[in-house]
C-alpha atoms as a PDB file:
ATOM      1  CA  UNK A   1      -0.383  19.326   0.942  1.00  0.00           C
ATOM      2  CA  UNK A   2      -0.628  15.711   2.095  1.00  0.00           C
ATOM      3  CA  UNK A   3       1.529  13.127   0.335  1.00  0.00           C
ATOM      4  CA  UNK A   4       0.194   9.932  -1.205  1.00  0.00           C
ATOM      5  CA  UNK A   5       2.581   7.054  -0.473  1.00  0.00           C
ATOM      6  CA  UNK A   6       2.571   3.616  -2.053  1.00  0.00           C
ATOM      7  CA  UNK A   7       3.750   0.597  -0.056  1.00  0.00           C
ATOM      8  CA  UNK A   8       3.835  -2.572  -2.124  1.00  0.00           C
ATOM      9  CA  UNK A   9       5.752  -5.820  -2.536  1.00  0.00           C
ATOM     10  CA  UNK A  10       7.281  -6.501  -5.950  1.00  0.00           C
ATOM     11  CA  UNK A  11       9.460  -9.152  -7.560  1.00  0.00           C
ATOM     12  CA  UNK A  12      12.904  -8.208  -8.882  1.00  0.00           C
ATOM     13  CA  UNK A  13      11.389  -8.034 -12.378  1.00  0.00           C
ATOM     14  CA  UNK A  14       8.640  -5.667 -11.250  1.00  0.00           C
ATOM     15  CA  UNK A  15       5.551  -7.834 -10.746  1.00  0.00           C
ATOM     16  CA  UNK A  16       3.245  -7.631  -7.732  1.00  0.00           C
ATOM     17  CA  UNK A  17       1.657 -11.031  -8.384  1.00  0.00           C
ATOM     18  CA  UNK A  18       1.962 -13.935 -10.766  1.00  0.00           C
ATOM     19  CA  UNK A  19      -0.211 -14.181 -13.904  1.00  0.00           C
ATOM     20  CA  UNK A  20      -3.007 -15.837 -11.903  1.00  0.00           C
ATOM     21  CA  UNK A  21      -2.527 -13.647  -8.835  1.00  0.00           C
ATOM     22  CA  UNK A  22       0.024 -15.965  -7.187  1.00  0.00           C
ATOM     23  CA  UNK A  23       1.792 -14.494  -4.167  1.00  0.00           C
ATOM     24  CA  UNK A  24       3.682 -17.564  -2.945  1.00  0.00           C
ATOM     25  CA  UNK A  25       6.987 -15.905  -3.913  1.00  0.00           C
ATOM     26  CA  UNK A  26       6.706 -13.170  -1.278  1.00  0.00           C
ATOM     27  CA  UNK A  27       8.996 -13.274   1.749  1.00  0.00           C
ATOM     28  CA  UNK A  28       7.091 -13.143   5.055  1.00  0.00           C
ATOM     29  CA  UNK A  29       9.760 -14.069   7.609  1.00  0.00           C
ATOM     30  CA  UNK A  30      10.354 -10.371   8.195  1.00  0.00           C
ATOM     31  CA  UNK A  31      13.138  -9.320  10.531  1.00  0.00           C
ATOM     32  CA  UNK A  32      12.758  -6.601  13.162  1.00  0.00           C
ATOM     33  CA  UNK A  33      14.294  -3.895  10.950  1.00  0.00           C
ATOM     34  CA  UNK A  34      11.739  -4.273   8.151  1.00  0.00           C
ATOM     35  CA  UNK A  35       8.922  -4.501  10.701  1.00  0.00           C
ATOM     36  CA  UNK A  36      10.115  -1.235  12.243  1.00  0.00           C
ATOM     37  CA  UNK A  37      10.352   0.417   8.814  1.00  0.00           C
ATOM     38  CA  UNK A  38       6.760  -0.550   8.013  1.00  0.00           C
ATOM     39  CA  UNK A  39       5.603   0.552  11.442  1.00  0.00           C
ATOM     40  CA  UNK A  40       7.361   3.920  11.165  1.00  0.00           C
ATOM     41  CA  UNK A  41       6.008   4.482   7.639  1.00  0.00           C
ATOM     42  CA  UNK A  42       2.459   4.094   8.907  1.00  0.00           C
ATOM     43  CA  UNK A  43       2.816   6.278  12.002  1.00  0.00           C
ATOM     44  CA  UNK A  44       2.397   9.435   9.907  1.00  0.00           C
ATOM     45  CA  UNK A  45      -0.642   8.108   8.019  1.00  0.00           C
ATOM     46  CA  UNK A  46      -4.271   8.913   8.795  1.00  0.00           C
ATOM     47  CA  UNK A  47      -5.946   7.737   5.588  1.00  0.00           C
ATOM     48  CA  UNK A  48      -5.701   4.474   3.635  1.00  0.00           C
ATOM     49  CA  UNK A  49      -6.741   4.193  -0.019  1.00  0.00           C
ATOM     50  CA  UNK A  50      -7.844   0.876  -1.458  1.00  0.00           C
ATOM     51  CA  UNK A  51      -9.332  -0.492  -4.636  1.00  0.00           C
ATOM     52  CA  UNK A  52     -12.576  -2.382  -4.141  1.00  0.00           C
ATOM     53  CA  UNK A  53     -11.125  -5.864  -4.758  1.00  0.00           C
ATOM     54  CA  UNK A  54      -8.328  -5.474  -2.214  1.00  0.00           C
ATOM     55  CA  UNK A  55     -10.683  -3.825   0.292  1.00  0.00           C
ATOM     56  CA  UNK A  56     -12.837  -6.957   0.428  1.00  0.00           C
ATOM     57  CA  UNK A  57      -9.983  -8.881   2.048  1.00  0.00           C
ATOM     58  CA  UNK A  58      -7.889  -6.127   3.633  1.00  0.00           C
ATOM     59  CA  UNK A  59     -10.549  -4.467   5.784  1.00  0.00           C
ATOM     60  CA  UNK A  60     -12.086  -7.634   7.322  1.00  0.00           C
ATOM     61  CA  UNK A  61      -8.598  -9.064   7.943  1.00  0.00           C
ATOM     62  CA  UNK A  62      -7.397  -6.081   9.981  1.00  0.00           C
ATOM     63  CA  UNK A  63     -10.712  -5.847  11.825  1.00  0.00           C
ATOM     64  CA  UNK A  64     -10.249  -9.464  12.914  1.00  0.00           C
ATOM     65  CA  UNK A  65      -6.622  -8.842  13.918  1.00  0.00           C
ATOM     66  CA  UNK A  66      -7.589  -5.769  15.943  1.00  0.00           C
ATOM     67  CA  UNK A  67     -10.729  -7.022  17.661  1.00  0.00           C
ATOM     68  CA  UNK A  68     -10.005 -10.712  18.324  1.00  0.00           C
ATOM     69  CA  UNK A  69      -6.960 -11.061  20.609  1.00  0.00           C
ATOM     70  CA  UNK A  70      -6.635 -14.762  19.786  1.00  0.00           C
ATOM     71  CA  UNK A  71      -6.024 -13.838  16.130  1.00  0.00           C
ATOM     72  CA  UNK A  72      -3.238 -11.308  16.674  1.00  0.00           C
ATOM     73  CA  UNK A  73       0.008 -12.499  15.123  1.00  0.00           C
ATOM     74  CA  UNK A  74       3.327 -12.110  16.861  1.00  0.00           C
ATOM     75  CA  UNK A  75       4.799  -9.844  14.192  1.00  0.00           C
ATOM     76  CA  UNK A  76       2.019  -7.290  14.731  1.00  0.00           C
ATOM     77  CA  UNK A  77       3.121  -6.870  18.339  1.00  0.00           C
ATOM     78  CA  UNK A  78       6.806  -6.822  17.331  1.00  0.00           C
ATOM     79  CA  UNK A  79       6.384  -4.108  14.712  1.00  0.00           C
ATOM     80  CA  UNK A  80       3.999  -1.907  16.627  1.00  0.00           C
ATOM     81  CA  UNK A  81       6.299  -0.738  19.411  1.00  0.00           C
ATOM     82  CA  UNK A  82       4.395   2.144  21.045  1.00  0.00           C
ATOM     83  CA  UNK A  83       1.088   1.535  19.289  1.00  0.00           C
ATOM     84  CA  UNK A  84      -1.041  -1.370  18.108  1.00  0.00           C
ATOM     85  CA  UNK A  85      -0.441  -1.751  14.355  1.00  0.00           C
ATOM     86  CA  UNK A  86      -3.497  -3.940  13.785  1.00  0.00           C
ATOM     87  CA  UNK A  87      -5.707  -1.435  15.595  1.00  0.00           C
ATOM     88  CA  UNK A  88      -4.240   1.389  13.499  1.00  0.00           C
ATOM     89  CA  UNK A  89      -5.023  -0.484  10.269  1.00  0.00           C
ATOM     90  CA  UNK A  90      -8.575  -1.105  11.501  1.00  0.00           C
ATOM     91  CA  UNK A  91      -9.348   2.351  12.931  1.00  0.00           C
ATOM     92  CA  UNK A  92      -7.619   4.516  10.312  1.00  0.00           C
ATOM     93  CA  UNK A  93     -10.073   6.151   7.918  1.00  0.00           C
ATOM     94  CA  UNK A  94     -10.246   4.369   4.592  1.00  0.00           C
ATOM     95  CA  UNK A  95     -11.396   5.435   1.149  1.00  0.00           C
ATOM     96  CA  UNK A  96     -12.392   2.640  -1.217  1.00  0.00           C
ATOM     97  CA  UNK A  97     -12.444   3.524  -4.908  1.00  0.00           C
ATOM     98  CA  UNK A  98     -15.252   1.655  -6.638  1.00  0.00           C
ATOM     99  CA  UNK A  99     -17.663   1.817  -9.530  1.00  0.00           C
ATOM    100  CA  UNK A 100     -19.752  -1.165  -8.440  1.00  0.00           C
ATOM    101  CA  UNK A 101     -20.604  -0.481  -4.778  1.00  0.00           C
ATOM    102  CA  UNK A 102     -23.289   1.986  -3.716  1.00  0.00           C
ATOM    103  CA  UNK A 103     -22.633   2.013   0.033  1.00  0.00           C
ATOM    104  CA  UNK A 104     -19.871   0.948   2.387  1.00  0.00           C
ATOM    105  CA  UNK A 105     -20.431  -2.095   4.585  1.00  0.00           C
ATOM    106  CA  UNK A 106     -17.134  -1.536   6.446  1.00  0.00           C
ATOM    107  CA  UNK A 107     -16.231   0.423   9.580  1.00  0.00           C
ATOM    108  CA  UNK A 108     -14.314   3.705   9.199  1.00  0.00           C
ATOM    109  CA  UNK A 109     -14.713   3.544   5.426  1.00  0.00           C
ATOM    110  CA  UNK A 110     -16.227   5.779   2.759  1.00  0.00           C
ATOM    111  CA  UNK A 111     -16.570   5.176  -0.979  1.00  0.00           C
ATOM    112  CA  UNK A 112     -15.110   7.308  -3.757  1.00  0.00           C
ATOM    113  CA  UNK A 113     -16.962   6.991  -7.047  1.00  0.00           C
ATOM    114  CA  UNK A 114     -15.973  10.145  -8.915  1.00  0.00           C
ATOM    115  CA  UNK A 115     -13.093  11.064 -11.206  1.00  0.00           C
ATOM    116  CA  UNK A 116      -9.890   9.513  -9.855  1.00  0.00           C
ATOM    117  CA  UNK A 117      -7.666  12.597 -10.067  1.00  0.00           C
ATOM    118  CA  UNK A 118     -10.330  14.913  -8.656  1.00  0.00           C
ATOM    119  CA  UNK A 119     -11.012  12.566  -5.733  1.00  0.00           C
ATOM    120  CA  UNK A 120      -7.279  12.221  -4.940  1.00  0.00           C
ATOM    121  CA  UNK A 121      -6.682  15.962  -5.156  1.00  0.00           C
ATOM    122  CA  UNK A 122      -9.569  16.592  -2.744  1.00  0.00           C
ATOM    123  CA  UNK A 123      -8.023  14.175  -0.261  1.00  0.00           C
ATOM    124  CA  UNK A 124      -4.550  15.685  -0.630  1.00  0.00           C
ATOM    125  CA  UNK A 125      -5.901  19.176   0.053  1.00  0.00           C
ATOM    126  CA  UNK A 126      -7.616  18.141   3.277  1.00  0.00           C
ATOM    127  CA  UNK A 127      -5.922  18.923   6.569  1.00  0.00           C
ATOM    128  CA  UNK A 128      -4.311  15.843   8.030  1.00  0.00           C
ATOM    129  CA  UNK A 129      -1.398  13.467   7.945  1.00  0.00           C
ATOM    130  CA  UNK A 130      -0.193  11.631   4.859  1.00  0.00           C
ATOM    131  CA  UNK A 131      -2.151   9.030   2.884  1.00  0.00           C
ATOM    132  CA  UNK A 132      -1.066   5.492   1.978  1.00  0.00           C
ATOM    133  CA  UNK A 133      -2.225   3.111  -0.733  1.00  0.00           C
ATOM    134  CA  UNK A 134      -1.636  -0.643  -0.726  1.00  0.00           C
ATOM    135  CA  UNK A 135      -3.352  -1.791  -3.934  1.00  0.00           C
ATOM    136  CA  UNK A 136      -4.637  -3.660  -5.854  1.00  0.00           C
ATOM    137  CA  UNK A 137      -2.872  -3.766  -9.160  1.00  0.00           C
ATOM    138  CA  UNK A 138      -5.354  -2.019 -11.464  1.00  0.00           C
ATOM    139  CA  UNK A 139      -6.097   0.720  -8.906  1.00  0.00           C
ATOM    140  CA  UNK A 140      -2.412   1.384  -8.228  1.00  0.00           C
ATOM    141  CA  UNK A 141      -1.703   1.324 -11.978  1.00  0.00           C
ATOM    142  CA  UNK A 142      -4.337   4.021 -12.455  1.00  0.00           C
ATOM    143  CA  UNK A 143      -2.779   6.182  -9.730  1.00  0.00           C
ATOM    144  CA  UNK A 144       0.703   5.816 -11.234  1.00  0.00           C
ATOM    145  CA  UNK A 145      -0.555   6.583 -14.744  1.00  0.00           C
ATOM    146  CA  UNK A 146      -2.281   9.713 -13.407  1.00  0.00           C
ATOM    147  CA  UNK A 147       0.919  10.841 -11.633  1.00  0.00           C
ATOM    148  CA  UNK A 148      -0.691  10.770  -8.180  1.00  0.00           C
ATOM    149  CA  UNK A 149       1.933   8.794  -6.213  1.00  0.00           C
ATOM    150  CA  UNK A 150       4.329  11.078  -4.289  1.00  0.00           C
ATOM    151  CA  UNK A 151       6.487   8.338  -2.739  1.00  0.00           C
ATOM    152  CA  UNK A 152       7.072   4.760  -3.873  1.00  0.00           C
ATOM    153  CA  UNK A 153       8.037   2.323  -1.100  1.00  0.00           C
ATOM    154  CA  UNK A 154       8.825  -0.800  -3.126  1.00  0.00           C
ATOM    155  CA  UNK A 155       9.627  -3.927  -1.120  1.00  0.00           C
ATOM    156  CA  UNK A 156      11.668  -5.867  -3.691  1.00  0.00           C
ATOM    157  CA  UNK A 157      11.518  -9.611  -2.996  1.00  0.00           C
ATOM    158  CA  UNK A 158      14.318 -11.994  -4.044  1.00  0.00           C
ATOM    159  CA  UNK A 159      12.295 -13.686  -6.779  1.00  0.00           C
ATOM    160  CA  UNK A 160      11.855 -13.247 -10.544  1.00  0.00           C
ATOM    161  CA  UNK A 161       8.515 -14.298 -12.023  1.00  0.00           C
ATOM    162  CA  UNK A 162       8.994 -13.807 -15.764  1.00  0.00           C
ATOM    163  CA  UNK A 163       5.381 -12.720 -16.140  1.00  0.00           C
ATOM    164  CA  UNK A 164       2.559 -11.497 -13.963  1.00  0.00           C
ATOM    165  CA  UNK A 165       0.664  -8.423 -12.811  1.00  0.00           C
ATOM    166  CA  UNK A 166       2.508  -5.139 -13.157  1.00  0.00           C
ATOM    167  CA  UNK A 167       1.683  -1.724 -11.692  1.00  0.00           C
ATOM    168  CA  UNK A 168       3.642   0.136 -14.370  1.00  0.00           C
ATOM    169  CA  UNK A 169       2.144  -1.432 -17.498  1.00  0.00           C
ATOM    170  CA  UNK A 170      -0.364   1.380 -18.147  1.00  0.00           C
ATOM    171  CA  UNK A 171       2.211   4.187 -18.288  1.00  0.00           C
ATOM    172  CA  UNK A 172       1.902   6.167 -21.502  1.00  0.00           C
ATOM    173  CA  UNK A 173       5.237   7.930 -21.103  1.00  0.00           C
ATOM    174  CA  UNK A 174       8.445   7.521 -19.159  1.00  0.00           C
ATOM    175  CA  UNK A 175       8.276   8.408 -15.472  1.00  0.00           C
ATOM    176  CA  UNK A 176      11.652   9.379 -14.020  1.00  0.00           C
ATOM    177  CA  UNK A 177      12.209   8.639 -10.346  1.00  0.00           C
ATOM    178  CA  UNK A 178      14.713   9.900  -7.768  1.00  0.00           C
ATOM    179  CA  UNK A 179      16.040   7.395  -5.255  1.00  0.00           C
ATOM    180  CA  UNK A 180      15.476   8.660  -1.698  1.00  0.00           C
ATOM    181  CA  UNK A 181      16.837   5.616   0.088  1.00  0.00           C
ATOM    182  CA  UNK A 182      17.495   1.909  -0.244  1.00  0.00           C
ATOM    183  CA  UNK A 183      17.768  -0.590   2.609  1.00  0.00           C
ATOM    184  CA  UNK A 184      18.722  -4.258   2.389  1.00  0.00           C
ATOM    185  CA  UNK A 185      16.965  -6.274   5.082  1.00  0.00           C
ATOM    186  CA  UNK A 186      18.200  -9.582   6.516  1.00  0.00           C
ATOM    187  CA  UNK A 187      15.076 -11.393   5.314  1.00  0.00           C
ATOM    188  CA  UNK A 188      16.167 -10.816   1.704  1.00  0.00           C
ATOM    189  CA  UNK A 189      13.857  -7.905   0.837  1.00  0.00           C
ATOM    190  CA  UNK A 190      15.392  -4.665  -0.418  1.00  0.00           C
ATOM    191  CA  UNK A 191      13.431  -1.464   0.212  1.00  0.00           C
ATOM    192  CA  UNK A 192      13.639   1.001  -2.666  1.00  0.00           C
ATOM    193  CA  UNK A 193      12.079   4.390  -1.887  1.00  0.00           C
ATOM    194  CA  UNK A 194      11.598   6.700  -4.861  1.00  0.00           C
ATOM    195  CA  UNK A 195      10.038  10.088  -5.541  1.00  0.00           C
ATOM    196  CA  UNK A 196       8.813  11.090  -9.018  1.00  0.00           C
ATOM    197  CA  UNK A 197      10.877  13.715 -10.818  1.00  0.00           C
ATOM    198  CA  UNK A 198       8.518  16.345 -12.249  1.00  0.00           C
ATOM    199  CA  UNK A 199       8.796  17.114 -15.910  1.00  0.00           C
END
């Protein structure tokens, strides 16, 4: 069965954005090691899940990065090594979970409008590589609450916000996690990779 992996940036106190969606606390001067980690994580992915709000920015951004050579940023080339990361983000099949859209306007993208758990289970049972989800907050919260995330790749930034948007605030019971690995990167981000402990 395919795994569903979450890659997301968080503050040290567990927020993915400030109370008004602020993201100015995130570290973006990534060193080569964290770029390679992100690149390697996505090599075994052939499906990206997105909530509708994030999709509206994510999909056009990576299309621009992949199709307009003047827009490609240096870090995309650095992290990609043997493949073009921007092109992978653009060409990889995407599933956008939405209740408001009736048809997809984006390339390589289909809509999922049914029951969340049923839709995820259908995707996991398909033949293919693993699946990754990037957000947004309410969509990821729903996946966590439903116990659908198989691997958490939390990029912990060196900032505490005090309040903001959390991806764990809808949990109705404790979710125990097993630490698979942790890596401290020179840029100040610490990668914490967890797997849920069944039970």
